[in-house]
Amino acid sequence: MKKYFLAFVAVAMSLLSLPAFSQTKEDETDLLGLPGDNLDLYAALTLFQKSKTIEAFEKSLNDEQAKINNLDLDLDKKVDFIKVVTKQKDSSFSFILQIDVSKTETQDVAVILVDKDKNKKITLQIVGDEELYGKNYIVEPKPAGTPPVTANPGYVGPEPVTISVPATTIVVETVPIVQYVYSPVYVPYVPPYYYGYHPPYFAFVTVMAVSIYRHNNYYYHAGYHGGYHNTTVVVHNHNNFNNYHSSRNVSNTVNHNRTSGNYNNNNRTSNSNNNRTSNATNNRASSSNNRASSNNRASTSNFSSSSRSNSVGASRTRSSGGGASMSRGGGGGRRR
């Protein structure tokens, strides 16, 4: 019976370990080792397309339940608020995602470029700031006619699971927010927020481990292409991008943290803490066992000493008794 129970425990533990290995494959795909690992631009662009207004997009981007924003640029272990600033020139829009790192410093996170050409064709892209994502990190919806993609691009098995590309990520002209900004009722949104002042709905939630964050948001990648190590996706409207880039905001604090590797260390904090906790627990357990072992040895030693003392005492008693007899004998001699 004991043998069957041990076999059952071994099988159960092996099954529990399977998700960890499957997550590792997808979680490590396209990791930058930069703060951008904590804001998935695929997910951000999806939210943008689902929103009806810029203000609604800003709110959904910072929604605690959505868990899209996991950025912590000032390293206070709390998620930072992202505001959305709009720039327009003719029929081109740039929606800039920004974080006020301090009272005097603002860091651009990414910019969403929406452009309409002379044929009224609309293009949509999001470009990650190079401080957070490196150079040329551009994501855009896949064009119409793109074949289905695998759920996990790292999968190399014989039967890949495919995902149909959602229609809302293909026909940009039908996206609600795009229709809104090109409509007569469009009103430019100016965020009233600044460092230390945020909307009531925003809560300073604790930053989650980057591996958990990426696992929770990886499914957003299906309808897009671009991103890390992709050289085929380029900025469509350089005039619009250059117009934005001429007044791009860069924080000295963010630059220092990035070049010092502080963000990469922060991404590993959870795992490191878990390892340190596990090691500390094991060390304490080992020390406790060592102490217990020492106590046992001490107890054994004391017991042995006590036994030896008792034996010696007994021997001495017996010798003393013998000595007394000799004394008595000696006394008799003196009496003679």
C-alpha atoms as a PDB file:
ATOM      1  CA  MET A   1       0.000   0.000   0.000  1.00  0.00           C
ATOM      2  CA  LYS A   2       2.834   2.364   0.864  1.00  0.00           C
ATOM      3  CA  LYS A   3       4.485   1.655  -2.511  1.00  0.00           C
ATOM      4  CA  TYR A   4       1.316   2.635  -4.435  1.00  0.00           C
ATOM      5  CA  PHE A   5       0.939   5.817  -2.400  1.00  0.00           C
ATOM      6  CA  LEU A   6       4.518   6.905  -3.167  1.00  0.00           C
ATOM      7  CA  ALA A   7       3.965   6.222  -6.873  1.00  0.00           C
ATOM      8  CA  PHE A   8       0.793   8.359  -6.826  1.00  0.00           C
ATOM      9  CA  VAL A   9       2.644  11.235  -5.143  1.00  0.00           C
ATOM     10  CA  ALA A  10       5.441  11.065  -7.737  1.00  0.00           C
ATOM     11  CA  VAL A  11       2.961  11.228 -10.650  1.00  0.00           C
ATOM     12  CA  ALA A  12       1.047  14.121  -9.068  1.00  0.00           C
ATOM     13  CA  MET A  13       4.226  16.123  -8.538  1.00  0.00           C
ATOM     14  CA  SER A  14       5.331  15.569 -12.138  1.00  0.00           C
ATOM     15  CA  LEU A  15       1.948  16.791 -13.438  1.00  0.00           C
ATOM     16  CA  LEU A  16       2.121  19.892 -11.263  1.00  0.00           C
ATOM     17  CA  SER A  17       5.524  20.729 -12.668  1.00  0.00           C
ATOM     18  CA  LEU A  18       4.354  20.676 -16.312  1.00  0.00           C
ATOM     19  CA  PRO A  19       2.789  24.201 -16.409  1.00  0.00           C
ATOM     20  CA  ALA A  20       6.020  25.709 -15.125  1.00  0.00           C
ATOM     21  CA  PHE A  21       7.964  24.307 -18.077  1.00  0.00           C
ATOM     22  CA  SER A  22       5.318  25.329 -20.629  1.00  0.00           C
ATOM     23  CA  GLN A  23       5.219  28.865 -19.240  1.00  0.00           C
ATOM     24  CA  THR A  24       8.980  29.226 -19.332  1.00  0.00           C
ATOM     25  CA  LYS A  25       9.086  28.698 -23.095  1.00  0.00           C
ATOM     26  CA  GLU A  26       6.622  31.464 -23.898  1.00  0.00           C
ATOM     27  CA  ASP A  27       7.509  33.807 -21.046  1.00  0.00           C
ATOM     28  CA  GLU A  28      11.129  34.076 -22.148  1.00  0.00           C
ATOM     29  CA  THR A  29      10.239  34.808 -25.781  1.00  0.00           C
ATOM     30  CA  ASP A  30      11.239  38.341 -26.793  1.00  0.00           C
ATOM     31  CA  LEU A  31      12.297  39.395 -23.286  1.00  0.00           C
ATOM     32  CA  LEU A  32      14.176  42.684 -23.520  1.00  0.00           C
ATOM     33  CA  GLY A  33      15.745  42.910 -20.094  1.00  0.00           C
ATOM     34  CA  LEU A  34      14.407  46.501 -20.116  1.00  0.00           C
ATOM     35  CA  PRO A  35      11.473  48.262 -18.417  1.00  0.00           C
ATOM     36  CA  GLY A  36       9.396  47.672 -21.562  1.00  0.00           C
ATOM     37  CA  ASP A  37       8.967  44.055 -20.473  1.00  0.00           C
ATOM     38  CA  ASN A  38       6.377  45.445 -18.024  1.00  0.00           C
ATOM     39  CA  LEU A  39       4.136  47.129 -20.591  1.00  0.00           C
ATOM     40  CA  ASP A  40       3.097  44.837 -23.429  1.00  0.00           C
ATOM     41  CA  LEU A  41       2.638  47.093 -26.473  1.00  0.00           C
ATOM     42  CA  TYR A  42       0.544  44.439 -28.221  1.00  0.00           C
ATOM     43  CA  ALA A  43      -1.889  44.606 -25.314  1.00  0.00           C
ATOM     44  CA  ALA A  44      -1.750  48.419 -25.235  1.00  0.00           C
ATOM     45  CA  LEU A  45      -2.583  48.655 -28.942  1.00  0.00           C
ATOM     46  CA  THR A  46      -5.451  46.215 -28.451  1.00  0.00           C
ATOM     47  CA  LEU A  47      -6.879  48.420 -25.701  1.00  0.00           C
ATOM     48  CA  PHE A  48      -6.493  51.439 -27.952  1.00  0.00           C
ATOM     49  CA  GLN A  49      -8.537  49.803 -30.690  1.00  0.00           C
ATOM     50  CA  LYS A  50     -11.272  48.767 -28.279  1.00  0.00           C
ATOM     51  CA  SER A  51     -11.625  52.222 -26.707  1.00  0.00           C
ATOM     52  CA  LYS A  52     -14.109  54.833 -27.913  1.00  0.00           C
ATOM     53  CA  THR A  53     -12.202  57.911 -26.743  1.00  0.00           C
ATOM     54  CA  ILE A  54      -8.662  58.841 -25.717  1.00  0.00           C
ATOM     55  CA  GLU A  55      -9.779  59.340 -22.124  1.00  0.00           C
ATOM     56  CA  ALA A  56     -11.361  55.866 -22.110  1.00  0.00           C
ATOM     57  CA  PHE A  57      -8.117  54.425 -23.462  1.00  0.00           C
ATOM     58  CA  GLU A  58      -6.124  56.112 -20.704  1.00  0.00           C
ATOM     59  CA  LYS A  59      -8.480  54.729 -18.080  1.00  0.00           C
ATOM     60  CA  SER A  60      -8.381  51.166 -19.412  1.00  0.00           C
ATOM     61  CA  LEU A  61      -4.591  51.328 -19.687  1.00  0.00           C
ATOM     62  CA  ASN A  62      -4.364  52.067 -15.953  1.00  0.00           C
ATOM     63  CA  ASP A  63      -7.168  49.769 -14.892  1.00  0.00           C
ATOM     64  CA  GLU A  64      -6.110  47.587 -11.973  1.00  0.00           C
ATOM     65  CA  GLN A  65      -8.297  44.710 -13.170  1.00  0.00           C
ATOM     66  CA  ALA A  66      -6.913  44.738 -16.718  1.00  0.00           C
ATOM     67  CA  LYS A  67      -3.319  44.379 -15.450  1.00  0.00           C
ATOM     68  CA  ILE A  68      -1.850  45.766 -18.682  1.00  0.00           C
ATOM     69  CA  ASN A  69       0.321  48.372 -16.984  1.00  0.00           C
ATOM     70  CA  ASN A  70       3.062  46.902 -14.793  1.00  0.00           C
ATOM     71  CA  LEU A  71       5.625  49.707 -15.178  1.00  0.00           C
ATOM     72  CA  ASP A  72       7.610  50.977 -12.210  1.00  0.00           C
ATOM     73  CA  LEU A  73      10.092  53.538 -13.510  1.00  0.00           C
ATOM     74  CA  ASP A  74      10.863  55.163 -10.146  1.00  0.00           C
ATOM     75  CA  LEU A  75      11.434  51.728  -8.550  1.00  0.00           C
ATOM     76  CA  ASP A  76       9.122  52.261  -5.588  1.00  0.00           C
ATOM     77  CA  LYS A  77       7.587  48.791  -6.186  1.00  0.00           C
ATOM     78  CA  LYS A  78       4.270  50.401  -7.188  1.00  0.00           C
ATOM     79  CA  VAL A  79       2.776  50.602 -10.681  1.00  0.00           C
ATOM     80  CA  ASP A  80       3.131  54.074 -12.228  1.00  0.00           C
ATOM     81  CA  PHE A  81       0.251  56.016 -13.750  1.00  0.00           C
ATOM     82  CA  ILE A  82       0.419  56.401 -17.553  1.00  0.00           C
ATOM     83  CA  LYS A  83      -1.179  59.495 -19.039  1.00  0.00           C
ATOM     84  CA  VAL A  84      -1.960  59.941 -22.728  1.00  0.00           C
ATOM     85  CA  VAL A  85      -1.003  63.202 -24.484  1.00  0.00           C
ATOM     86  CA  THR A  86      -2.262  63.973 -27.991  1.00  0.00           C
ATOM     87  CA  LYS A  87      -0.500  65.774 -30.821  1.00  0.00           C
ATOM     88  CA  GLN A  88      -2.063  66.478 -34.199  1.00  0.00           C
ATOM     89  CA  LYS A  89      -0.760  67.829 -37.455  1.00  0.00           C
ATOM     90  CA  ASP A  90      -3.214  67.845 -40.356  1.00  0.00           C
ATOM     91  CA  SER A  91      -4.546  64.273 -40.668  1.00  0.00           C
ATOM     92  CA  SER A  92      -1.814  62.690 -38.555  1.00  0.00           C
ATOM     93  CA  PHE A  93      -2.144  61.978 -34.847  1.00  0.00           C
ATOM     94  CA  SER A  94       0.383  60.902 -32.253  1.00  0.00           C
ATOM     95  CA  PHE A  95      -0.892  59.654 -28.907  1.00  0.00           C
ATOM     96  CA  ILE A  96       1.993  59.710 -26.439  1.00  0.00           C
ATOM     97  CA  LEU A  97       2.054  57.444 -23.401  1.00  0.00           C
ATOM     98  CA  GLN A  98       3.927  59.233 -20.599  1.00  0.00           C
ATOM     99  CA  ILE A  99       4.903  58.715 -16.967  1.00  0.00           C
ATOM    100  CA  ASP A 100       5.784  61.547 -14.588  1.00  0.00           C
ATOM    101  CA  VAL A 101       8.777  60.002 -12.834  1.00  0.00           C
ATOM    102  CA  SER A 102       9.168  62.970 -10.483  1.00  0.00           C
ATOM    103  CA  LYS A 103       8.009  66.571 -10.146  1.00  0.00           C
ATOM    104  CA  THR A 104      10.553  67.651 -12.736  1.00  0.00           C
ATOM    105  CA  GLU A 105      11.005  64.578 -14.963  1.00  0.00           C
ATOM    106  CA  THR A 106       8.711  62.950 -17.509  1.00  0.00           C
ATOM    107  CA  GLN A 107       9.492  59.830 -19.503  1.00  0.00           C
ATOM    108  CA  ASP A 108       7.782  58.872 -22.759  1.00  0.00           C
ATOM    109  CA  VAL A 109       6.845  55.201 -22.786  1.00  0.00           C
ATOM    110  CA  ALA A 110       5.550  54.761 -26.326  1.00  0.00           C
ATOM    111  CA  VAL A 111       3.727  56.637 -29.068  1.00  0.00           C
ATOM    112  CA  ILE A 112       0.744  55.492 -31.102  1.00  0.00           C
ATOM    113  CA  LEU A 113       0.835  56.859 -34.654  1.00  0.00           C
ATOM    114  CA  VAL A 114      -2.402  57.180 -36.601  1.00  0.00           C
ATOM    115  CA  ASP A 115      -2.120  58.477 -40.163  1.00  0.00           C
ATOM    116  CA  LYS A 116      -4.444  58.966 -43.123  1.00  0.00           C
ATOM    117  CA  ASP A 117      -2.941  59.240 -46.592  1.00  0.00           C
ATOM    118  CA  LYS A 118      -4.376  61.018 -49.654  1.00  0.00           C
ATOM    119  CA  ASN A 119      -6.328  57.872 -50.562  1.00  0.00           C
ATOM    120  CA  LYS A 120      -7.912  57.927 -47.089  1.00  0.00           C
ATOM    121  CA  LYS A 121      -6.094  54.762 -46.108  1.00  0.00           C
ATOM    122  CA  ILE A 122      -5.419  54.747 -42.377  1.00  0.00           C
ATOM    123  CA  THR A 123      -2.389  53.158 -40.757  1.00  0.00           C
ATOM    124  CA  LEU A 124      -1.915  52.384 -37.076  1.00  0.00           C
ATOM    125  CA  GLN A 125       1.354  51.681 -35.260  1.00  0.00           C
ATOM    126  CA  ILE A 126       2.793  51.823 -31.774  1.00  0.00           C
ATOM    127  CA  VAL A 127       6.488  52.625 -31.305  1.00  0.00           C
ATOM    128  CA  GLY A 128       8.198  51.860 -28.001  1.00  0.00           C
ATOM    129  CA  ASP A 129      10.563  54.478 -26.610  1.00  0.00           C
ATOM    130  CA  GLU A 130      14.163  53.347 -27.023  1.00  0.00           C
ATOM    131  CA  GLU A 131      14.918  53.956 -23.327  1.00  0.00           C
ATOM    132  CA  LEU A 132      12.352  51.293 -22.444  1.00  0.00           C
ATOM    133  CA  TYR A 133      12.282  49.009 -25.505  1.00  0.00           C
ATOM    134  CA  GLY A 134      15.493  49.612 -27.422  1.00  0.00           C
ATOM    135  CA  LYS A 135      15.607  50.923 -30.980  1.00  0.00           C
ATOM    136  CA  ASN A 136      13.006  50.194 -33.657  1.00  0.00           C
ATOM    137  CA  TYR A 137      10.476  48.414 -31.453  1.00  0.00           C
ATOM    138  CA  ILE A 138       7.387  48.846 -33.644  1.00  0.00           C
ATOM    139  CA  VAL A 139       4.129  46.893 -33.482  1.00  0.00           C
ATOM    140  CA  GLU A 140       1.241  47.078 -35.951  1.00  0.00           C
ATOM    141  CA  PRO A 141      -1.850  45.023 -36.851  1.00  0.00           C
ATOM    142  CA  LYS A 142      -1.317  42.309 -39.412  1.00  0.00           C
ATOM    143  CA  PRO A 143      -2.705  43.155 -42.859  1.00  0.00           C
ATOM    144  CA  ALA A 144      -5.776  41.471 -44.323  1.00  0.00           C
ATOM    145  CA  GLY A 145      -5.171  38.005 -45.717  1.00  0.00           C
ATOM    146  CA  THR A 146      -2.511  37.094 -43.156  1.00  0.00           C
ATOM    147  CA  PRO A 147      -2.728  33.350 -42.418  1.00  0.00           C
ATOM    148  CA  PRO A 148      -3.449  32.114 -38.893  1.00  0.00           C
ATOM    149  CA  VAL A 149      -0.563  31.996 -36.463  1.00  0.00           C
ATOM    150  CA  THR A 150       0.451  29.551 -33.754  1.00  0.00           C
ATOM    151  CA  ALA A 151      -0.583  30.297 -30.193  1.00  0.00           C
ATOM    152  CA  ASN A 152       3.033  29.949 -29.089  1.00  0.00           C
ATOM    153  CA  PRO A 153       5.598  31.030 -31.712  1.00  0.00           C
ATOM    154  CA  GLY A 154       8.257  29.068 -29.850  1.00  0.00           C
ATOM    155  CA  TYR A 155       6.374  25.796 -30.418  1.00  0.00           C
ATOM    156  CA  VAL A 156       8.086  23.431 -32.871  1.00  0.00           C
ATOM    157  CA  GLY A 157       5.899  20.342 -32.513  1.00  0.00           C
ATOM    158  CA  PRO A 158       3.993  18.569 -35.324  1.00  0.00           C
ATOM    159  CA  GLU A 159       0.507  19.900 -34.428  1.00  0.00           C
ATOM    160  CA  PRO A 160       0.598  23.659 -33.745  1.00  0.00           C
ATOM    161  CA  VAL A 161      -2.559  25.240 -32.347  1.00  0.00           C
ATOM    162  CA  THR A 162      -3.659  28.120 -34.575  1.00  0.00           C
ATOM    163  CA  ILE A 163      -5.485  31.334 -33.761  1.00  0.00           C
ATOM    164  CA  SER A 164      -7.643  33.239 -36.215  1.00  0.00           C
ATOM    165  CA  VAL A 165      -6.664  36.889 -36.453  1.00  0.00           C
ATOM    166  CA  PRO A 166      -9.473  39.079 -35.017  1.00  0.00           C
ATOM    167  CA  ALA A 167     -11.110  41.322 -37.606  1.00  0.00           C
ATOM    168  CA  THR A 168     -10.843  44.396 -35.366  1.00  0.00           C
ATOM    169  CA  THR A 169      -7.052  44.281 -35.610  1.00  0.00           C
ATOM    170  CA  ILE A 170      -7.057  44.216 -39.428  1.00  0.00           C
ATOM    171  CA  VAL A 171      -9.499  46.840 -40.700  1.00  0.00           C
ATOM    172  CA  VAL A 172      -8.078  49.908 -38.994  1.00  0.00           C
ATOM    173  CA  GLU A 173     -10.711  52.245 -40.468  1.00  0.00           C
ATOM    174  CA  THR A 174     -13.440  50.437 -38.499  1.00  0.00           C
ATOM    175  CA  VAL A 175     -11.735  50.822 -35.113  1.00  0.00           C
ATOM    176  CA  PRO A 176     -14.016  52.944 -32.840  1.00  0.00           C
ATOM    177  CA  ILE A 177     -11.300  55.291 -31.601  1.00  0.00           C
ATOM    178  CA  VAL A 178      -9.972  55.853 -35.120  1.00  0.00           C
ATOM    179  CA  GLN A 179     -13.450  56.721 -36.349  1.00  0.00           C
ATOM    180  CA  TYR A 180     -13.799  59.073 -33.395  1.00  0.00           C
ATOM    181  CA  VAL A 181     -10.583  61.072 -33.970  1.00  0.00           C
ATOM    182  CA  TYR A 182     -11.493  61.594 -37.641  1.00  0.00           C
ATOM    183  CA  SER A 183     -15.100  62.541 -36.890  1.00  0.00           C
ATOM    184  CA  PRO A 184     -16.527  66.087 -36.560  1.00  0.00           C
ATOM    185  CA  VAL A 185     -17.360  65.423 -32.890  1.00  0.00           C
ATOM    186  CA  TYR A 186     -13.731  64.789 -31.933  1.00  0.00           C
ATOM    187  CA  VAL A 187     -12.547  66.919 -29.009  1.00  0.00           C
ATOM    188  CA  PRO A 188      -8.827  66.857 -28.130  1.00  0.00           C
ATOM    189  CA  TYR A 189      -8.225  65.282 -24.742  1.00  0.00           C
ATOM    190  CA  VAL A 190      -5.758  66.979 -22.392  1.00  0.00           C
ATOM    191  CA  PRO A 191      -4.967  64.914 -19.271  1.00  0.00           C
ATOM    192  CA  PRO A 192      -5.196  67.029 -16.107  1.00  0.00           C
ATOM    193  CA  TYR A 193      -2.916  64.710 -14.155  1.00  0.00           C
ATOM    194  CA  TYR A 194       0.647  65.215 -12.991  1.00  0.00           C
ATOM    195  CA  TYR A 195       3.153  63.783 -10.515  1.00  0.00           C
ATOM    196  CA  GLY A 196       1.377  63.140  -7.208  1.00  0.00           C
ATOM    197  CA  TYR A 197      -2.094  63.815  -8.658  1.00  0.00           C
ATOM    198  CA  HIS A 198      -3.964  60.959 -10.308  1.00  0.00           C
ATOM    199  CA  PRO A 199      -7.603  60.099 -11.041  1.00  0.00           C
ATOM    200  CA  PRO A 200      -9.669  58.494  -8.254  1.00  0.00           C
ATOM    201  CA  TYR A 201      -9.921  55.179 -10.106  1.00  0.00           C
ATOM    202  CA  PHE A 202      -6.137  54.703 -10.121  1.00  0.00           C
ATOM    203  CA  ALA A 203      -4.682  52.565  -7.357  1.00  0.00           C
ATOM    204  CA  PHE A 204      -0.997  52.141  -6.618  1.00  0.00           C
ATOM    205  CA  VAL A 205      -0.886  48.381  -6.966  1.00  0.00           C
ATOM    206  CA  THR A 206       2.223  46.313  -6.294  1.00  0.00           C
ATOM    207  CA  VAL A 207       4.336  45.396  -9.313  1.00  0.00           C
ATOM    208  CA  MET A 208       4.088  41.718 -10.244  1.00  0.00           C
ATOM    209  CA  ALA A 209       6.968  39.521 -11.376  1.00  0.00           C
ATOM    210  CA  VAL A 210       7.718  39.995 -15.085  1.00  0.00           C
ATOM    211  CA  SER A 211       7.316  36.273 -15.803  1.00  0.00           C
ATOM    212  CA  ILE A 212       3.778  36.295 -14.385  1.00  0.00           C
ATOM    213  CA  TYR A 213       2.955  39.547 -16.180  1.00  0.00           C
ATOM    214  CA  ARG A 214       4.048  38.266 -19.579  1.00  0.00           C
ATOM    215  CA  HIS A 215       2.254  34.966 -19.115  1.00  0.00           C
ATOM    216  CA  ASN A 216      -0.977  36.847 -18.356  1.00  0.00           C
ATOM    217  CA  ASN A 217      -0.734  39.032 -21.487  1.00  0.00           C
ATOM    218  CA  TYR A 218       0.949  36.856 -24.088  1.00  0.00           C
ATOM    219  CA  TYR A 219      -2.282  35.993 -25.926  1.00  0.00           C
ATOM    220  CA  TYR A 220      -2.546  39.616 -27.173  1.00  0.00           C
ATOM    221  CA  HIS A 221       0.295  38.975 -29.639  1.00  0.00           C
ATOM    222  CA  ALA A 222      -1.763  36.937 -32.106  1.00  0.00           C
ATOM    223  CA  GLY A 223      -3.087  39.692 -34.394  1.00  0.00           C
ATOM    224  CA  TYR A 224       0.127  41.722 -34.751  1.00  0.00           C
ATOM    225  CA  HIS A 225       3.636  41.638 -36.082  1.00  0.00           C
ATOM    226  CA  GLY A 226       6.790  43.569 -35.322  1.00  0.00           C
ATOM    227  CA  GLY A 227       8.369  43.978 -31.918  1.00  0.00           C
ATOM    228  CA  TYR A 228      11.718  42.677 -30.798  1.00  0.00           C
ATOM    229  CA  HIS A 229      14.316  41.675 -33.439  1.00  0.00           C
ATOM    230  CA  ASN A 230      11.889  42.498 -36.257  1.00  0.00           C
ATOM    231  CA  THR A 231      13.406  44.526 -39.089  1.00  0.00           C
ATOM    232  CA  THR A 232      10.545  44.256 -41.595  1.00  0.00           C
ATOM    233  CA  VAL A 233       8.169  46.646 -39.820  1.00  0.00           C
ATOM    234  CA  VAL A 234       9.104  50.318 -40.251  1.00  0.00           C
ATOM    235  CA  VAL A 235       7.487  53.638 -39.409  1.00  0.00           C
ATOM    236  CA  HIS A 236       4.933  54.479 -42.112  1.00  0.00           C
ATOM    237  CA  ASN A 237       4.859  58.232 -41.725  1.00  0.00           C
ATOM    238  CA  HIS A 238       8.302  59.588 -40.874  1.00  0.00           C
ATOM    239  CA  ASN A 239       7.051  63.183 -40.827  1.00  0.00           C
ATOM    240  CA  ASN A 240       4.567  62.346 -38.103  1.00  0.00           C
ATOM    241  CA  PHE A 241       7.149  60.390 -36.105  1.00  0.00           C
ATOM    242  CA  ASN A 242       9.818  63.069 -36.495  1.00  0.00           C
ATOM    243  CA  ASN A 243       7.326  65.714 -35.397  1.00  0.00           C
ATOM    244  CA  TYR A 244       6.731  63.730 -32.222  1.00  0.00           C
ATOM    245  CA  HIS A 245      10.392  62.864 -31.714  1.00  0.00           C
ATOM    246  CA  SER A 246      11.504  66.507 -31.826  1.00  0.00           C
ATOM    247  CA  SER A 247       9.901  67.065 -28.403  1.00  0.00           C
ATOM    248  CA  ARG A 248      10.316  63.580 -26.931  1.00  0.00           C
ATOM    249  CA  ASN A 249      10.566  63.431 -23.127  1.00  0.00           C
ATOM    250  CA  VAL A 250      13.460  61.538 -21.525  1.00  0.00           C
ATOM    251  CA  SER A 251      14.049  61.222 -17.774  1.00  0.00           C
ATOM    252  CA  ASN A 252      17.577  61.284 -16.378  1.00  0.00           C
ATOM    253  CA  THR A 253      16.408  58.986 -13.575  1.00  0.00           C
ATOM    254  CA  VAL A 254      15.165  56.398 -16.057  1.00  0.00           C
ATOM    255  CA  ASN A 255      18.341  56.656 -18.111  1.00  0.00           C
ATOM    256  CA  HIS A 256      20.484  56.133 -15.005  1.00  0.00           C
ATOM    257  CA  ASN A 257      18.416  53.168 -13.814  1.00  0.00           C
ATOM    258  CA  ARG A 258      18.530  51.588 -17.260  1.00  0.00           C
ATOM    259  CA  THR A 259      22.288  51.966 -17.777  1.00  0.00           C
ATOM    260  CA  SER A 260      22.915  50.705 -14.229  1.00  0.00           C
ATOM    261  CA  GLY A 261      20.815  47.606 -14.853  1.00  0.00           C
ATOM    262  CA  ASN A 262      18.420  48.456 -12.032  1.00  0.00           C
ATOM    263  CA  TYR A 263      15.293  47.611 -14.030  1.00  0.00           C
ATOM    264  CA  ASN A 264      16.609  44.226 -15.051  1.00  0.00           C
ATOM    265  CA  ASN A 265      17.436  43.494 -11.418  1.00  0.00           C
ATOM    266  CA  ASN A 266      13.936  44.611 -10.446  1.00  0.00           C
ATOM    267  CA  ASN A 267      12.438  42.166 -12.939  1.00  0.00           C
ATOM    268  CA  ARG A 268      14.291  39.361 -11.208  1.00  0.00           C
ATOM    269  CA  THR A 269      13.393  40.569  -7.710  1.00  0.00           C
ATOM    270  CA  SER A 270      10.494  38.202  -7.216  1.00  0.00           C
ATOM    271  CA  ASN A 271      12.433  35.143  -8.327  1.00  0.00           C
ATOM    272  CA  SER A 272      15.487  36.234  -6.345  1.00  0.00           C
ATOM    273  CA  ASN A 273      13.380  36.823  -3.262  1.00  0.00           C
ATOM    274  CA  ASN A 274      11.779  33.425  -3.675  1.00  0.00           C
ATOM    275  CA  ASN A 275      15.203  31.821  -4.030  1.00  0.00           C
ATOM    276  CA  ARG A 276      16.572  33.738  -1.074  1.00  0.00           C
ATOM    277  CA  THR A 277      13.514  32.815   0.993  1.00  0.00           C
ATOM    278  CA  SER A 278      13.826  29.186  -0.008  1.00  0.00           C
ATOM    279  CA  ASN A 279      17.547  29.158   0.715  1.00  0.00           C
ATOM    280  CA  ALA A 280      17.021  30.927   4.036  1.00  0.00           C
ATOM    281  CA  THR A 281      14.326  28.419   4.978  1.00  0.00           C
ATOM    282  CA  ASN A 282      16.544  25.519   3.992  1.00  0.00           C
ATOM    283  CA  ASN A 283      19.464  27.046   5.864  1.00  0.00           C
ATOM    284  CA  ARG A 284      17.344  27.571   8.937  1.00  0.00           C
ATOM    285  CA  ALA A 285      16.057  24.024   8.667  1.00  0.00           C
ATOM    286  CA  SER A 286      19.594  22.748   8.209  1.00  0.00           C
ATOM    287  CA  SER A 287      20.809  24.817  11.175  1.00  0.00           C
ATOM    288  CA  SER A 288      17.897  23.577  13.225  1.00  0.00           C
ATOM    289  CA  ASN A 289      18.730  20.001  12.292  1.00  0.00           C
ATOM    290  CA  ASN A 290      22.367  20.642  13.100  1.00  0.00           C
ATOM    291  CA  ARG A 291      21.425  22.100  16.441  1.00  0.00           C
ATOM    292  CA  ALA A 292      19.120  19.186  17.081  1.00  0.00           C
ATOM    293  CA  SER A 293      21.895  16.820  16.128  1.00  0.00           C
ATOM    294  CA  SER A 294      24.302  18.691  18.417  1.00  0.00           C
ATOM    295  CA  ASN A 295      21.782  18.511  21.226  1.00  0.00           C
ATOM    296  CA  ASN A 296      21.399  14.810  20.656  1.00  0.00           C
ATOM    297  CA  ARG A 297      25.152  14.367  20.730  1.00  0.00           C
ATOM    298  CA  ALA A 298      25.350  16.502  23.862  1.00  0.00           C
ATOM    299  CA  SER A 299      22.586  14.464  25.432  1.00  0.00           C
ATOM    300  CA  THR A 300      24.326  11.243  24.461  1.00  0.00           C
ATOM    301  CA  SER A 301      27.612  12.620  25.707  1.00  0.00           C
ATOM    302  CA  ASN A 302      26.012  13.669  28.976  1.00  0.00           C
ATOM    303  CA  PHE A 303      24.392  10.297  29.288  1.00  0.00           C
ATOM    304  CA  SER A 304      27.716   8.578  28.674  1.00  0.00           C
ATOM    305  CA  SER A 305      29.463  10.904  31.101  1.00  0.00           C
ATOM    306  CA  SER A 306      26.777  10.257  33.644  1.00  0.00           C
ATOM    307  CA  SER A 307      27.142   6.544  33.117  1.00  0.00           C
ATOM    308  CA  ARG A 308      30.892   6.777  33.417  1.00  0.00           C
ATOM    309  CA  SER A 309      30.533   8.928  36.543  1.00  0.00           C
ATOM    310  CA  ASN A 310      28.174   6.411  38.070  1.00  0.00           C
ATOM    311  CA  SER A 311      30.545   3.584  37.239  1.00  0.00           C
ATOM    312  CA  VAL A 312      33.491   5.474  38.629  1.00  0.00           C
ATOM    313  CA  GLY A 313      31.472   6.412  41.698  1.00  0.00           C
ATOM    314  CA  ALA A 314      30.507   2.816  42.211  1.00  0.00           C
ATOM    315  CA  SER A 315      34.085   1.699  41.783  1.00  0.00           C
ATOM    316  CA  ARG A 316      35.252   4.326  44.206  1.00  0.00           C
ATOM    317  CA  THR A 317      32.629   3.196  46.675  1.00  0.00           C
ATOM    318  CA  ARG A 318      33.737  -0.357  46.341  1.00  0.00           C
ATOM    319  CA  SER A 319      37.398   0.671  46.642  1.00  0.00           C
ATOM    320  CA  SER A 320      36.544   2.816  49.628  1.00  0.00           C
ATOM    321  CA  GLY A 321      34.883  -0.142  51.216  1.00  0.00           C
ATOM    322  CA  GLY A 322      37.994  -2.176  50.590  1.00  0.00           C
ATOM    323  CA  GLY A 323      40.122   0.607  51.993  1.00  0.00           C
ATOM    324  CA  ALA A 324      38.048   0.661  55.134  1.00  0.00           C
ATOM    325  CA  SER A 325      38.673  -2.975  55.628  1.00  0.00           C
ATOM    326  CA  MET A 326      42.357  -2.371  55.222  1.00  0.00           C
ATOM    327  CA  SER A 327      42.174   0.495  57.702  1.00  0.00           C
ATOM    328  CA  ARG A 328      40.409  -1.690  60.103  1.00  0.00           C
ATOM    329  CA  GLY A 329      43.103  -4.243  59.597  1.00  0.00           C
ATOM    330  CA  GLY A 330      45.759  -1.622  60.051  1.00  0.00           C
ATOM    331  CA  GLY A 331      44.088  -0.416  63.167  1.00  0.00           C
ATOM    332  CA  GLY A 332      44.193  -3.822  64.593  1.00  0.00           C
ATOM    333  CA  GLY A 333      47.879  -3.869  63.886  1.00  0.00           C
ATOM    334  CA  ARG A 334      48.365  -0.581  65.654  1.00  0.00           C
ATOM    335  CA  ARG A 335      46.396  -1.931  68.537  1.00  0.00           C
ATOM    336  CA  ARG A 336      48.837  -4.734  68.766  1.00  0.00           C
END
